[in-house]
Amino acid sequence: MAQGRASDPSQSAAHHVEQIVEAAERTADALRAAAEERANDRIAEAERAAAMRVEAAEEEAADVRAEALAAADDVRTAATIAAEEAQDRAAARARDLIYEARAATRDVLRDGETLSAHLRELSDSLRSNAERLLLDIRAAHAEMTARLDRVDPDLGGPDGGARAPSRGAARDYEPDVPEFIPRRPR
């Protein structure tokens, strides 16, 4: 028994160490479980926070996208309005230019018709004056021939006289000046 007693305290100490080791293992297991639970809780919390951040980022991205689409729509609308206004201004300018061109062609036609009428009047006046001049020349010729015949009826022949008229007879005759030529003072 002495040996049993001696081993008894050592068994008791071993048992006690075993209990301490078991308690330490249980405590370590409990600490490990608590640490794993805390780690899992933190991971879950981090995942929730990350999910919330992702959701917030997605919402913000959706808001930014909506704002960008609205801004693009505004720019497109403004560009369309500006293009329509530019097209309207160009069409109005083209209409103005066409109107001015038509007015210019009307003016040219009117000026051409006026010039043509003046030329026709000038032509009529020249024709009339040419006819008067021819009549005056024939009348002067007849008068000169008649004077020559009175001066010397024997010299007159079939061609109206063989010699040149005298200077005195030519001095007495003065033909009418056409109306478009100004008369010279005597």
N, C-alpha and C. Protein backbone atom coordinates (compact mmCIF):
# COMPACT_ATOMS: atom_id res chain seq x y z
N MET A 1 0.76 -1.16 0.00
CA MET A 1 0.00 0.00 0.00
C MET A 1 0.81 1.23 0.00
N ALA A 2 1.98 0.97 0.51
CA ALA A 2 2.82 2.13 0.52
C ALA A 2 3.10 2.55 -0.89
N GLN A 3 3.19 1.53 -1.64
CA GLN A 3 3.41 1.87 -3.02
C GLN A 3 2.15 2.44 -3.61
N GLY A 4 1.08 1.95 -3.23
CA GLY A 4 -0.21 2.46 -3.72
C GLY A 4 -0.41 3.88 -3.26
N ARG A 5 0.07 4.14 -2.06
CA ARG A 5 -0.08 5.50 -1.60
C ARG A 5 0.84 6.42 -2.34
N ALA A 6 2.04 5.87 -2.53
CA ALA A 6 2.98 6.72 -3.23
C ALA A 6 2.50 6.93 -4.63
N SER A 7 1.93 5.91 -5.19
CA SER A 7 1.47 6.13 -6.53
C SER A 7 0.15 6.83 -6.50
N ASP A 8 -0.48 6.72 -5.43
CA ASP A 8 -1.73 7.43 -5.29
C ASP A 8 -1.52 8.93 -5.45
N PRO A 9 -0.56 9.52 -4.71
CA PRO A 9 -0.37 10.94 -4.93
C PRO A 9 0.13 11.20 -6.33
N SER A 10 0.92 10.32 -6.90
CA SER A 10 1.38 10.63 -8.24
C SER A 10 0.24 10.40 -9.21
N GLN A 11 -0.60 9.44 -8.88
CA GLN A 11 -1.77 9.26 -9.73
C GLN A 11 -2.68 10.43 -9.55
N SER A 12 -2.75 10.83 -8.37
CA SER A 12 -3.60 11.97 -8.10
C SER A 12 -3.03 13.19 -8.81
N ALA A 13 -1.74 13.36 -8.80
CA ALA A 13 -1.13 14.49 -9.49
C ALA A 13 -1.29 14.32 -10.99
N ALA A 14 -1.13 13.07 -11.45
CA ALA A 14 -1.30 12.84 -12.89
C ALA A 14 -2.74 13.07 -13.28
N HIS A 15 -3.59 12.59 -12.38
CA HIS A 15 -5.01 12.79 -12.66
C HIS A 15 -5.32 14.30 -12.65
N HIS A 16 -4.71 14.95 -11.67
CA HIS A 16 -4.94 16.38 -11.56
C HIS A 16 -4.36 17.09 -12.79
N VAL A 17 -3.20 16.71 -13.27
CA VAL A 17 -2.59 17.30 -14.47
C VAL A 17 -3.48 16.97 -15.66
N GLU A 18 -3.97 15.75 -15.65
CA GLU A 18 -4.86 15.35 -16.74
C GLU A 18 -6.11 16.20 -16.74
N GLN A 19 -6.61 16.46 -15.58
CA GLN A 19 -7.79 17.31 -15.49
C GLN A 19 -7.45 18.73 -15.94
N ILE A 20 -6.27 19.18 -15.58
CA ILE A 20 -5.84 20.53 -15.98
C ILE A 20 -5.67 20.57 -17.47
N VAL A 21 -5.07 19.52 -18.02
CA VAL A 21 -4.87 19.47 -19.46
C VAL A 21 -6.21 19.43 -20.16
N GLU A 22 -7.12 18.59 -19.60
CA GLU A 22 -8.45 18.51 -20.21
C GLU A 22 -9.16 19.85 -20.10
N ALA A 23 -9.03 20.49 -18.95
CA ALA A 23 -9.66 21.80 -18.76
C ALA A 23 -9.03 22.81 -19.70
N ALA A 24 -7.69 22.69 -19.86
CA ALA A 24 -6.99 23.61 -20.76
C ALA A 24 -7.42 23.35 -22.20
N GLU A 25 -7.59 22.08 -22.55
CA GLU A 25 -8.03 21.75 -23.90
C GLU A 25 -9.46 22.24 -24.12
N ARG A 26 -10.31 22.03 -23.09
CA ARG A 26 -11.69 22.52 -23.20
C ARG A 26 -11.70 24.04 -23.33
N THR A 27 -10.85 24.67 -22.53
CA THR A 27 -10.77 26.14 -22.58
C THR A 27 -10.22 26.56 -23.94
N ALA A 28 -9.20 25.83 -24.40
CA ALA A 28 -8.63 26.15 -25.71
C ALA A 28 -9.66 25.93 -26.80
N ASP A 29 -10.41 24.80 -26.67
CA ASP A 29 -11.48 24.53 -27.65
C ASP A 29 -12.53 25.63 -27.57
N ALA A 30 -12.88 26.02 -26.33
CA ALA A 30 -13.89 27.08 -26.16
C ALA A 30 -13.37 28.40 -26.72
N LEU A 31 -12.07 28.68 -26.43
CA LEU A 31 -11.48 29.92 -26.95
C LEU A 31 -11.40 29.86 -28.49
N ARG A 32 -11.00 28.67 -29.01
CA ARG A 32 -10.93 28.50 -30.45
C ARG A 32 -12.31 28.67 -31.06
N ALA A 33 -13.32 28.06 -30.43
CA ALA A 33 -14.70 28.17 -30.93
C ALA A 33 -15.18 29.61 -30.85
N ALA A 34 -14.86 30.26 -29.72
CA ALA A 34 -15.26 31.67 -29.56
C ALA A 34 -14.54 32.52 -30.60
N ALA A 35 -13.24 32.23 -30.82
CA ALA A 35 -12.47 32.99 -31.81
C ALA A 35 -13.01 32.75 -33.21
N GLU A 36 -13.33 31.47 -33.50
CA GLU A 36 -13.92 31.15 -34.81
C GLU A 36 -15.27 31.82 -34.95
N GLU A 37 -16.05 31.82 -33.89
CA GLU A 37 -17.37 32.47 -33.94
C GLU A 37 -17.21 33.96 -34.16
N ARG A 38 -16.26 34.57 -33.41
CA ARG A 38 -16.02 36.00 -33.60
C ARG A 38 -15.51 36.27 -35.01
N ALA A 39 -14.60 35.39 -35.49
CA ALA A 39 -14.08 35.55 -36.85
C ALA A 39 -15.21 35.39 -37.85
N ASN A 40 -16.05 34.37 -37.64
CA ASN A 40 -17.20 34.17 -38.54
C ASN A 40 -18.15 35.37 -38.48
N ASP A 41 -18.37 35.89 -37.25
CA ASP A 41 -19.23 37.07 -37.11
C ASP A 41 -18.63 38.26 -37.85
N ARG A 42 -17.31 38.43 -37.68
CA ARG A 42 -16.65 39.55 -38.37
C ARG A 42 -16.68 39.35 -39.88
N ILE A 43 -16.47 38.12 -40.31
CA ILE A 43 -16.53 37.83 -41.75
C ILE A 43 -17.93 38.11 -42.27
N ALA A 44 -18.93 37.64 -41.51
CA ALA A 44 -20.32 37.87 -41.91
C ALA A 44 -20.62 39.36 -41.93
N GLU A 45 -20.13 40.05 -40.90
CA GLU A 45 -20.34 41.50 -40.83
C GLU A 45 -19.63 42.18 -42.00
N ALA A 46 -18.41 41.75 -42.30
CA ALA A 46 -17.66 42.31 -43.43
C ALA A 46 -18.38 42.01 -44.74
N GLU A 47 -18.91 40.77 -44.85
CA GLU A 47 -19.66 40.43 -46.07
C GLU A 47 -20.92 41.27 -46.18
N ARG A 48 -21.62 41.47 -45.04
CA ARG A 48 -22.81 42.34 -45.06
C ARG A 48 -22.42 43.77 -45.44
N ALA A 49 -21.32 44.26 -44.84
CA ALA A 49 -20.84 45.62 -45.15
C ALA A 49 -20.44 45.71 -46.62
N ALA A 50 -19.74 44.66 -47.09
CA ALA A 50 -19.33 44.66 -48.50
C ALA A 50 -20.56 44.62 -49.41
N ALA A 51 -21.53 43.78 -49.05
CA ALA A 51 -22.77 43.70 -49.84
C ALA A 51 -23.49 45.04 -49.84
N MET A 52 -23.50 45.69 -48.64
CA MET A 52 -24.15 47.00 -48.56
C MET A 52 -23.38 48.02 -49.41
N ARG A 53 -22.05 47.93 -49.37
CA ARG A 53 -21.26 48.87 -50.18
C ARG A 53 -21.47 48.59 -51.66
N VAL A 54 -21.50 47.31 -52.03
CA VAL A 54 -21.75 46.96 -53.43
C VAL A 54 -23.12 47.47 -53.84
N GLU A 55 -24.11 47.26 -52.98
CA GLU A 55 -25.48 47.72 -53.29
C GLU A 55 -25.50 49.24 -53.40
N ALA A 56 -24.82 49.92 -52.46
CA ALA A 56 -24.76 51.38 -52.51
C ALA A 56 -24.03 51.84 -53.77
N ALA A 57 -22.93 51.13 -54.11
CA ALA A 57 -22.19 51.49 -55.32
C ALA A 57 -23.04 51.26 -56.56
N GLU A 58 -23.78 50.14 -56.57
CA GLU A 58 -24.67 49.88 -57.71
C GLU A 58 -25.76 50.93 -57.82
N GLU A 59 -26.32 51.34 -56.65
CA GLU A 59 -27.34 52.39 -56.66
C GLU A 59 -26.74 53.71 -57.15
N GLU A 60 -25.53 54.01 -56.65
CA GLU A 60 -24.86 55.24 -57.09
C GLU A 60 -24.54 55.18 -58.58
N ALA A 61 -24.09 54.00 -59.04
CA ALA A 61 -23.80 53.83 -60.47
C ALA A 61 -25.08 53.99 -61.28
N ALA A 62 -26.19 53.45 -60.77
CA ALA A 62 -27.47 53.60 -61.46
C ALA A 62 -27.88 55.07 -61.50
N ASP A 63 -27.67 55.78 -60.38
CA ASP A 63 -27.98 57.22 -60.36
C ASP A 63 -27.09 57.98 -61.34
N VAL A 64 -25.78 57.67 -61.33
CA VAL A 64 -24.86 58.34 -62.25
C VAL A 64 -25.24 58.04 -63.69
N ARG A 65 -25.59 56.77 -63.95
CA ARG A 65 -26.01 56.37 -65.30
C ARG A 65 -27.27 57.12 -65.71
N ALA A 66 -28.24 57.22 -64.79
CA ALA A 66 -29.48 57.94 -65.09
C ALA A 66 -29.19 59.41 -65.36
N GLU A 67 -28.30 60.01 -64.53
CA GLU A 67 -27.92 61.41 -64.75
C GLU A 67 -27.22 61.57 -66.09
N ALA A 68 -26.32 60.63 -66.42
CA ALA A 68 -25.61 60.70 -67.70
C ALA A 68 -26.57 60.56 -68.86
N LEU A 69 -27.52 59.64 -68.75
CA LEU A 69 -28.53 59.48 -69.81
C LEU A 69 -29.37 60.74 -69.95
N ALA A 70 -29.75 61.33 -68.80
CA ALA A 70 -30.54 62.57 -68.85
C ALA A 70 -29.72 63.70 -69.48
N ALA A 71 -28.43 63.78 -69.09
CA ALA A 71 -27.56 64.82 -69.67
C ALA A 71 -27.38 64.58 -71.17
N ALA A 72 -27.18 63.32 -71.56
CA ALA A 72 -27.05 63.01 -72.99
C ALA A 72 -28.32 63.35 -73.73
N ASP A 73 -29.46 63.08 -73.11
CA ASP A 73 -30.75 63.43 -73.72
C ASP A 73 -30.86 64.94 -73.89
N ASP A 74 -30.44 65.68 -72.85
CA ASP A 74 -30.48 67.15 -72.93
C ASP A 74 -29.58 67.66 -74.04
N VAL A 75 -28.36 67.07 -74.12
CA VAL A 75 -27.42 67.48 -75.17
C VAL A 75 -27.98 67.15 -76.54
N ARG A 76 -28.56 65.95 -76.69
CA ARG A 76 -29.14 65.53 -77.97
C ARG A 76 -30.29 66.47 -78.36
N THR A 77 -31.14 66.80 -77.37
CA THR A 77 -32.26 67.72 -77.64
C THR A 77 -31.74 69.09 -78.05
N ALA A 78 -30.74 69.59 -77.31
CA ALA A 78 -30.16 70.90 -77.64
C ALA A 78 -29.52 70.88 -79.02
N ALA A 79 -28.83 69.80 -79.35
CA ALA A 79 -28.19 69.68 -80.67
C ALA A 79 -29.24 69.62 -81.77
N THR A 80 -30.32 68.89 -81.52
CA THR A 80 -31.40 68.81 -82.51
C THR A 80 -32.03 70.17 -82.73
N ILE A 81 -32.28 70.87 -81.63
CA ILE A 81 -32.88 72.21 -81.73
C ILE A 81 -31.93 73.15 -82.48
N ALA A 82 -30.63 73.09 -82.12
CA ALA A 82 -29.65 73.96 -82.79
C ALA A 82 -29.57 73.63 -84.27
N ALA A 83 -29.60 72.35 -84.61
CA ALA A 83 -29.55 71.96 -86.03
C ALA A 83 -30.79 72.43 -86.77
N GLU A 84 -31.95 72.29 -86.14
CA GLU A 84 -33.18 72.77 -86.78
C GLU A 84 -33.15 74.27 -86.97
N GLU A 85 -32.66 74.99 -85.95
CA GLU A 85 -32.57 76.45 -86.07
C GLU A 85 -31.60 76.85 -87.17
N ALA A 86 -30.46 76.14 -87.24
CA ALA A 86 -29.48 76.44 -88.30
C ALA A 86 -30.08 76.14 -89.67
N GLN A 87 -30.81 75.05 -89.77
CA GLN A 87 -31.45 74.70 -91.04
C GLN A 87 -32.51 75.75 -91.40
N ASP A 88 -33.28 76.20 -90.40
CA ASP A 88 -34.28 77.24 -90.66
C ASP A 88 -33.61 78.54 -91.12
N ARG A 89 -32.49 78.90 -90.45
CA ARG A 89 -31.78 80.13 -90.86
C ARG A 89 -31.23 79.99 -92.28
N ALA A 90 -30.69 78.82 -92.59
CA ALA A 90 -30.14 78.59 -93.94
C ALA A 90 -31.26 78.65 -94.98
N ALA A 91 -32.41 78.05 -94.66
CA ALA A 91 -33.53 78.08 -95.60
C ALA A 91 -34.04 79.52 -95.79
N ALA A 92 -34.11 80.27 -94.70
CA ALA A 92 -34.55 81.67 -94.79
C ALA A 92 -33.56 82.48 -95.62
N ARG A 93 -32.26 82.25 -95.40
CA ARG A 93 -31.24 82.97 -96.17
C ARG A 93 -31.32 82.61 -97.64
N ALA A 94 -31.55 81.32 -97.92
CA ALA A 94 -31.69 80.88 -99.32
C ALA A 94 -32.91 81.54 -99.95
N ARG A 95 -34.02 81.60 -99.20
CA ARG A 95 -35.22 82.27 -99.74
C ARG A 95 -34.94 83.75 -100.01
N ASP A 96 -34.22 84.40 -99.08
CA ASP A 96 -33.87 85.81 -99.27
C ASP A 96 -32.99 85.99 -100.51
N LEU A 97 -32.00 85.11 -100.67
CA LEU A 97 -31.12 85.21 -101.84
C LEU A 97 -31.89 84.98 -103.14
N ILE A 98 -32.80 84.01 -103.13
CA ILE A 98 -33.61 83.74 -104.32
C ILE A 98 -34.50 84.95 -104.62
N TYR A 99 -35.10 85.54 -103.56
CA TYR A 99 -35.94 86.72 -103.76
C TYR A 99 -35.11 87.86 -104.35
N GLU A 100 -33.91 88.08 -103.78
CA GLU A 100 -33.04 89.14 -104.30
C GLU A 100 -32.62 88.87 -105.74
N ALA A 101 -32.32 87.60 -106.05
CA ALA A 101 -31.93 87.24 -107.41
C ALA A 101 -33.10 87.47 -108.38
N ARG A 102 -34.30 87.11 -107.96
CA ARG A 102 -35.47 87.34 -108.82
C ARG A 102 -35.71 88.84 -109.02
N ALA A 103 -35.54 89.61 -107.94
CA ALA A 103 -35.71 91.06 -108.06
C ALA A 103 -34.66 91.62 -109.03
N ALA A 104 -33.42 91.12 -108.92
CA ALA A 104 -32.36 91.60 -109.82
C ALA A 104 -32.67 91.22 -111.27
N THR A 105 -33.18 90.01 -111.51
CA THR A 105 -33.51 89.62 -112.88
C THR A 105 -34.67 90.44 -113.41
N ARG A 106 -35.63 90.77 -112.52
CA ARG A 106 -36.73 91.65 -112.96
C ARG A 106 -36.20 93.02 -113.34
N ASP A 107 -35.27 93.54 -112.52
CA ASP A 107 -34.67 94.85 -112.82
C ASP A 107 -33.91 94.81 -114.15
N VAL A 108 -33.15 93.75 -114.36
CA VAL A 108 -32.39 93.62 -115.61
C VAL A 108 -33.35 93.54 -116.80
N LEU A 109 -34.43 92.76 -116.65
CA LEU A 109 -35.42 92.65 -117.73
C LEU A 109 -36.06 94.01 -118.00
N ARG A 110 -36.44 94.71 -116.93
CA ARG A 110 -37.07 96.02 -117.10
C ARG A 110 -36.09 96.99 -117.78
N ASP A 111 -34.82 96.99 -117.32
CA ASP A 111 -33.81 97.86 -117.95
C ASP A 111 -33.60 97.48 -119.41
N GLY A 112 -33.58 96.17 -119.69
CA GLY A 112 -33.42 95.71 -121.08
C GLY A 112 -34.59 96.13 -121.94
N GLU A 113 -35.79 96.01 -121.39
CA GLU A 113 -36.98 96.42 -122.16
C GLU A 113 -36.96 97.92 -122.41
N THR A 114 -36.55 98.70 -121.38
CA THR A 114 -36.45 100.15 -121.54
C THR A 114 -35.41 100.50 -122.59
N LEU A 115 -34.24 99.86 -122.51
CA LEU A 115 -33.19 100.11 -123.49
C LEU A 115 -33.66 99.71 -124.89
N SER A 116 -34.34 98.59 -125.00
CA SER A 116 -34.85 98.15 -126.29
C SER A 116 -35.86 99.16 -126.85
N ALA A 117 -36.74 99.67 -125.97
CA ALA A 117 -37.71 100.67 -126.42
C ALA A 117 -37.01 101.94 -126.88
N HIS A 118 -35.98 102.36 -126.12
CA HIS A 118 -35.23 103.56 -126.53
C HIS A 118 -34.52 103.33 -127.87
N LEU A 119 -33.94 102.15 -128.03
CA LEU A 119 -33.28 101.85 -129.30
C LEU A 119 -34.28 101.81 -130.44
N ARG A 120 -35.48 101.26 -130.17
CA ARG A 120 -36.52 101.25 -131.20
C ARG A 120 -36.92 102.68 -131.57
N GLU A 121 -37.08 103.54 -130.53
CA GLU A 121 -37.41 104.95 -130.80
C GLU A 121 -36.29 105.61 -131.59
N LEU A 122 -35.03 105.34 -131.21
CA LEU A 122 -33.90 105.92 -131.94
C LEU A 122 -33.90 105.42 -133.38
N SER A 123 -34.16 104.14 -133.56
CA SER A 123 -34.22 103.58 -134.91
C SER A 123 -35.32 104.26 -135.73
N ASP A 124 -36.50 104.42 -135.11
CA ASP A 124 -37.60 105.10 -135.81
C ASP A 124 -37.22 106.53 -136.15
N SER A 125 -36.57 107.19 -135.17
CA SER A 125 -36.16 108.58 -135.41
C SER A 125 -35.12 108.65 -136.53
N LEU A 126 -34.15 107.76 -136.52
CA LEU A 126 -33.13 107.74 -137.58
C LEU A 126 -33.75 107.45 -138.94
N ARG A 127 -34.68 106.48 -138.97
CA ARG A 127 -35.35 106.15 -140.24
C ARG A 127 -36.14 107.38 -140.73
N SER A 128 -36.88 108.00 -139.80
CA SER A 128 -37.67 109.18 -140.17
C SER A 128 -36.77 110.30 -140.66
N ASN A 129 -35.66 110.53 -139.95
CA ASN A 129 -34.73 111.59 -140.36
C ASN A 129 -34.04 111.24 -141.67
N ALA A 130 -33.73 109.97 -141.89
CA ALA A 130 -33.12 109.56 -143.16
C ALA A 130 -34.10 109.80 -144.32
N GLU A 131 -35.39 109.48 -144.08
CA GLU A 131 -36.39 109.72 -145.14
C GLU A 131 -36.54 111.21 -145.40
N ARG A 132 -36.57 112.03 -144.31
CA ARG A 132 -36.65 113.49 -144.50
C ARG A 132 -35.44 114.01 -145.25
N LEU A 133 -34.26 113.52 -144.85
CA LEU A 133 -33.02 113.95 -145.50
C LEU A 133 -33.06 113.61 -146.99
N LEU A 134 -33.52 112.40 -147.31
CA LEU A 134 -33.61 112.01 -148.72
C LEU A 134 -34.61 112.91 -149.46
N LEU A 135 -35.75 113.18 -148.82
CA LEU A 135 -36.73 114.09 -149.44
C LEU A 135 -36.14 115.48 -149.63
N ASP A 136 -35.41 115.97 -148.59
CA ASP A 136 -34.78 117.29 -148.69
C ASP A 136 -33.73 117.31 -149.80
N ILE A 137 -32.96 116.23 -149.89
CA ILE A 137 -31.94 116.17 -150.95
C ILE A 137 -32.61 116.15 -152.32
N ARG A 138 -33.68 115.39 -152.47
CA ARG A 138 -34.39 115.35 -153.76
C ARG A 138 -34.99 116.73 -154.08
N ALA A 139 -35.55 117.36 -153.01
CA ALA A 139 -36.13 118.70 -153.23
C ALA A 139 -35.04 119.69 -153.61
N ALA A 140 -33.88 119.61 -152.95
CA ALA A 140 -32.78 120.51 -153.28
C ALA A 140 -32.28 120.24 -154.69
N HIS A 141 -32.20 118.96 -155.05
CA HIS A 141 -31.78 118.60 -156.39
C HIS A 141 -32.76 119.15 -157.42
N ALA A 142 -34.05 118.99 -157.15
CA ALA A 142 -35.06 119.49 -158.10
C ALA A 142 -34.99 121.01 -158.20
N GLU A 143 -34.81 121.67 -157.06
CA GLU A 143 -34.75 123.14 -157.08
C GLU A 143 -33.50 123.61 -157.81
N MET A 144 -32.36 122.97 -157.55
CA MET A 144 -31.12 123.35 -158.22
C MET A 144 -31.23 123.10 -159.72
N THR A 145 -31.82 121.96 -160.06
CA THR A 145 -31.98 121.66 -161.49
C THR A 145 -32.90 122.69 -162.13
N ALA A 146 -33.98 123.07 -161.45
CA ALA A 146 -34.90 124.07 -161.99
C ALA A 146 -34.20 125.40 -162.13
N ARG A 147 -33.39 125.82 -161.19
CA ARG A 147 -32.66 127.08 -161.29
C ARG A 147 -31.69 127.04 -162.46
N LEU A 148 -31.00 125.91 -162.57
CA LEU A 148 -30.05 125.78 -163.68
C LEU A 148 -30.79 125.86 -165.02
N ASP A 149 -31.95 125.22 -165.08
CA ASP A 149 -32.71 125.26 -166.33
C ASP A 149 -33.19 126.69 -166.61
N ARG A 150 -33.49 127.46 -165.60
CA ARG A 150 -33.92 128.83 -165.82
C ARG A 150 -32.77 129.71 -166.29
N VAL A 151 -31.58 129.42 -165.75
CA VAL A 151 -30.43 130.23 -166.14
C VAL A 151 -30.05 129.92 -167.58
N ASP A 152 -29.96 128.72 -167.93
CA ASP A 152 -29.57 128.34 -169.29
C ASP A 152 -30.33 127.09 -169.68
N PRO A 153 -31.52 127.25 -170.28
CA PRO A 153 -32.33 126.09 -170.59
C PRO A 153 -31.72 125.24 -171.69
N ASP A 154 -30.84 125.78 -172.50
CA ASP A 154 -30.26 125.00 -173.59
C ASP A 154 -29.21 124.00 -173.11
N LEU A 155 -28.58 124.27 -172.01
CA LEU A 155 -27.53 123.37 -171.53
C LEU A 155 -28.10 122.15 -170.83
N GLY A 156 -29.31 122.19 -170.42
CA GLY A 156 -29.92 121.05 -169.73
C GLY A 156 -30.04 119.88 -170.66
N GLY A 157 -29.79 118.71 -170.22
CA GLY A 157 -29.85 117.53 -171.06
C GLY A 157 -30.69 116.46 -170.38
N PRO A 158 -30.63 115.28 -170.92
CA PRO A 158 -31.44 114.21 -170.35
C PRO A 158 -30.99 113.84 -168.93
N ASP A 159 -29.74 114.12 -168.59
CA ASP A 159 -29.30 113.75 -167.23
C ASP A 159 -29.49 114.91 -166.26
N GLY A 160 -30.10 116.00 -166.65
CA GLY A 160 -30.39 117.13 -165.78
C GLY A 160 -29.32 118.18 -165.81
N GLY A 161 -28.40 118.15 -166.71
CA GLY A 161 -27.38 119.19 -166.85
C GLY A 161 -26.02 118.58 -166.89
N ALA A 162 -25.16 119.19 -167.72
CA ALA A 162 -23.85 118.62 -167.93
C ALA A 162 -22.81 119.29 -167.07
N ARG A 163 -23.09 120.47 -166.54
CA ARG A 163 -22.05 121.11 -165.77
C ARG A 163 -22.44 121.22 -164.30
N ALA A 164 -21.43 121.51 -163.49
CA ALA A 164 -21.63 121.59 -162.04
C ALA A 164 -22.41 122.84 -161.71
N PRO A 165 -23.20 122.81 -160.69
CA PRO A 165 -23.96 124.01 -160.32
C PRO A 165 -23.02 125.10 -159.83
N SER A 166 -23.46 126.32 -160.00
CA SER A 166 -22.63 127.45 -159.57
C SER A 166 -22.66 127.55 -158.07
N ARG A 167 -21.67 128.24 -157.54
CA ARG A 167 -21.58 128.37 -156.09
C ARG A 167 -22.72 129.21 -155.54
N GLY A 168 -23.25 130.08 -156.25
CA GLY A 168 -24.35 130.92 -155.78
C GLY A 168 -25.61 130.11 -155.57
N ALA A 169 -25.89 129.18 -156.43
CA ALA A 169 -27.09 128.36 -156.32
C ALA A 169 -26.98 127.45 -155.12
N ALA A 170 -25.80 126.90 -154.83
CA ALA A 170 -25.63 126.00 -153.70
C ALA A 170 -25.72 126.78 -152.40
N ARG A 171 -25.29 128.08 -152.44
CA ARG A 171 -25.34 128.89 -151.24
C ARG A 171 -26.76 129.21 -150.84
N ASP A 172 -27.67 129.33 -151.79
CA ASP A 172 -29.06 129.67 -151.48
C ASP A 172 -29.80 128.50 -150.85
N TYR A 173 -29.35 127.29 -151.04
CA TYR A 173 -30.07 126.12 -150.53
C TYR A 173 -29.51 125.71 -149.17
N GLU A 174 -30.39 125.40 -148.21
CA GLU A 174 -29.99 124.87 -146.90
C GLU A 174 -30.96 123.76 -146.53
N PRO A 175 -30.49 122.50 -146.48
CA PRO A 175 -31.39 121.38 -146.17
C PRO A 175 -31.81 121.41 -144.69
N ASP A 176 -32.93 120.73 -144.40
CA ASP A 176 -33.39 120.63 -143.00
C ASP A 176 -32.45 119.71 -142.23
N VAL A 177 -32.14 120.10 -140.98
CA VAL A 177 -31.28 119.30 -140.12
C VAL A 177 -32.16 118.28 -139.39
N PRO A 178 -31.78 117.00 -139.35
CA PRO A 178 -32.60 116.01 -138.62
C PRO A 178 -32.77 116.42 -137.17
N GLU A 179 -33.85 115.97 -136.54
CA GLU A 179 -34.20 116.42 -135.20
C GLU A 179 -33.23 115.92 -134.13
N PHE A 180 -32.50 114.85 -134.36
CA PHE A 180 -31.58 114.36 -133.33
C PHE A 180 -30.24 115.07 -133.37
N ILE A 181 -29.96 115.92 -134.40
CA ILE A 181 -28.72 116.66 -134.50
C ILE A 181 -29.02 118.10 -134.10
N PRO A 182 -28.27 118.66 -133.13
CA PRO A 182 -28.55 120.05 -132.74
C PRO A 182 -28.20 121.01 -133.87
N ARG A 183 -29.01 122.04 -134.04
CA ARG A 183 -28.77 123.04 -135.08
C ARG A 183 -27.68 123.97 -134.66
N ARG A 184 -26.83 124.38 -135.62
CA ARG A 184 -25.77 125.32 -135.36
C ARG A 184 -26.31 126.73 -135.58
N PRO A 185 -25.90 127.63 -134.72
CA PRO A 185 -26.36 129.03 -134.96
C PRO A 185 -25.73 129.57 -136.23
N ARG A 186 -26.43 130.45 -136.92
CA ARG A 186 -25.94 131.03 -138.19
C ARG A 186 -25.03 132.18 -137.94
